[in-house]
Amino acid sequence: MNWQVVPKGMEEFMGGSDPARTERAMKAMFTMTRIDIAALQAAADAG
């Protein structure tokens, strides 16, 4: 059995219709030790 915990609000960045916004959020997430939703929001909106 596989399972994964997804933080609340994460689907907004990873499932959006704007691929550039999703890419910015993903790049920001890859630099994090712990997921920071506010930082992901800022990175996604930086474009």
C-alpha atoms as a PDB file:
ATOM      1  CA  MET A   1       0.000   0.000   0.000  1.00  0.00           C
ATOM      2  CA  ASN A   2       1.275   3.465  -0.890  1.00  0.00           C
ATOM      3  CA  TRP A   3       0.109   6.746   0.559  1.00  0.00           C
ATOM      4  CA  GLN A   4       1.218  10.331   0.558  1.00  0.00           C
ATOM      5  CA  VAL A   5       0.467  13.285   2.820  1.00  0.00           C
ATOM      6  CA  VAL A   6      -0.257  16.473   0.894  1.00  0.00           C
ATOM      7  CA  PRO A   7      -0.349  19.778   2.781  1.00  0.00           C
ATOM      8  CA  LYS A   8      -3.558  21.784   2.580  1.00  0.00           C
ATOM      9  CA  GLY A   9      -3.318  24.343  -0.222  1.00  0.00           C
ATOM     10  CA  MET A  10      -0.744  22.379  -2.212  1.00  0.00           C
ATOM     11  CA  GLU A  11      -3.217  21.403  -4.941  1.00  0.00           C
ATOM     12  CA  GLU A  12      -3.632  25.102  -5.796  1.00  0.00           C
ATOM     13  CA  PHE A  13      -0.028  25.227  -7.029  1.00  0.00           C
ATOM     14  CA  MET A  14       0.405  21.759  -8.480  1.00  0.00           C
ATOM     15  CA  GLY A  15      -2.913  21.343 -10.262  1.00  0.00           C
ATOM     16  CA  GLY A  16      -3.412  24.771 -11.767  1.00  0.00           C
ATOM     17  CA  SER A  17      -4.020  25.603 -15.395  1.00  0.00           C
ATOM     18  CA  ASP A  18      -0.921  27.856 -15.673  1.00  0.00           C
ATOM     19  CA  PRO A  19       2.156  25.661 -16.302  1.00  0.00           C
ATOM     20  CA  ALA A  20       4.599  28.548 -15.687  1.00  0.00           C
ATOM     21  CA  ARG A  21       3.066  29.206 -12.248  1.00  0.00           C
ATOM     22  CA  THR A  22       3.253  25.511 -11.410  1.00  0.00           C
ATOM     23  CA  GLU A  23       6.893  25.395 -12.510  1.00  0.00           C
ATOM     24  CA  ARG A  24       7.826  28.369 -10.297  1.00  0.00           C
ATOM     25  CA  ALA A  25       6.161  26.704  -7.299  1.00  0.00           C
ATOM     26  CA  MET A  26       7.898  23.381  -8.015  1.00  0.00           C
ATOM     27  CA  LYS A  27      11.326  25.030  -8.280  1.00  0.00           C
ATOM     28  CA  ALA A  28      10.752  26.778  -4.963  1.00  0.00           C
ATOM     29  CA  MET A  29       9.574  23.555  -3.326  1.00  0.00           C
ATOM     30  CA  PHE A  30      12.692  21.654  -4.414  1.00  0.00           C
ATOM     31  CA  THR A  31      14.849  24.073  -2.400  1.00  0.00           C
ATOM     32  CA  MET A  32      12.866  23.536   0.827  1.00  0.00           C
ATOM     33  CA  THR A  33      13.601  21.187   3.684  1.00  0.00           C
ATOM     34  CA  ARG A  34      10.080  21.722   5.000  1.00  0.00           C
ATOM     35  CA  ILE A  35       7.223  22.795   2.772  1.00  0.00           C
ATOM     36  CA  ASP A  36       6.273  26.440   3.344  1.00  0.00           C
ATOM     37  CA  ILE A  37       2.917  27.193   1.701  1.00  0.00           C
ATOM     38  CA  ALA A  38       3.373  30.978   2.006  1.00  0.00           C
ATOM     39  CA  ALA A  39       6.734  30.780   0.234  1.00  0.00           C
ATOM     40  CA  LEU A  40       5.203  28.601  -2.498  1.00  0.00           C
ATOM     41  CA  GLN A  41       2.419  31.169  -2.935  1.00  0.00           C
ATOM     42  CA  ALA A  42       4.995  33.971  -3.256  1.00  0.00           C
ATOM     43  CA  ALA A  43       7.072  32.024  -5.790  1.00  0.00           C
ATOM     44  CA  ALA A  44       4.031  31.079  -7.852  1.00  0.00           C
ATOM     45  CA  ASP A  45       2.808  34.684  -7.953  1.00  0.00           C
ATOM     46  CA  ALA A  46       6.247  36.125  -8.748  1.00  0.00           C
ATOM     47  CA  GLY A  47       5.764  35.691 -12.492  1.00  0.00           C
END
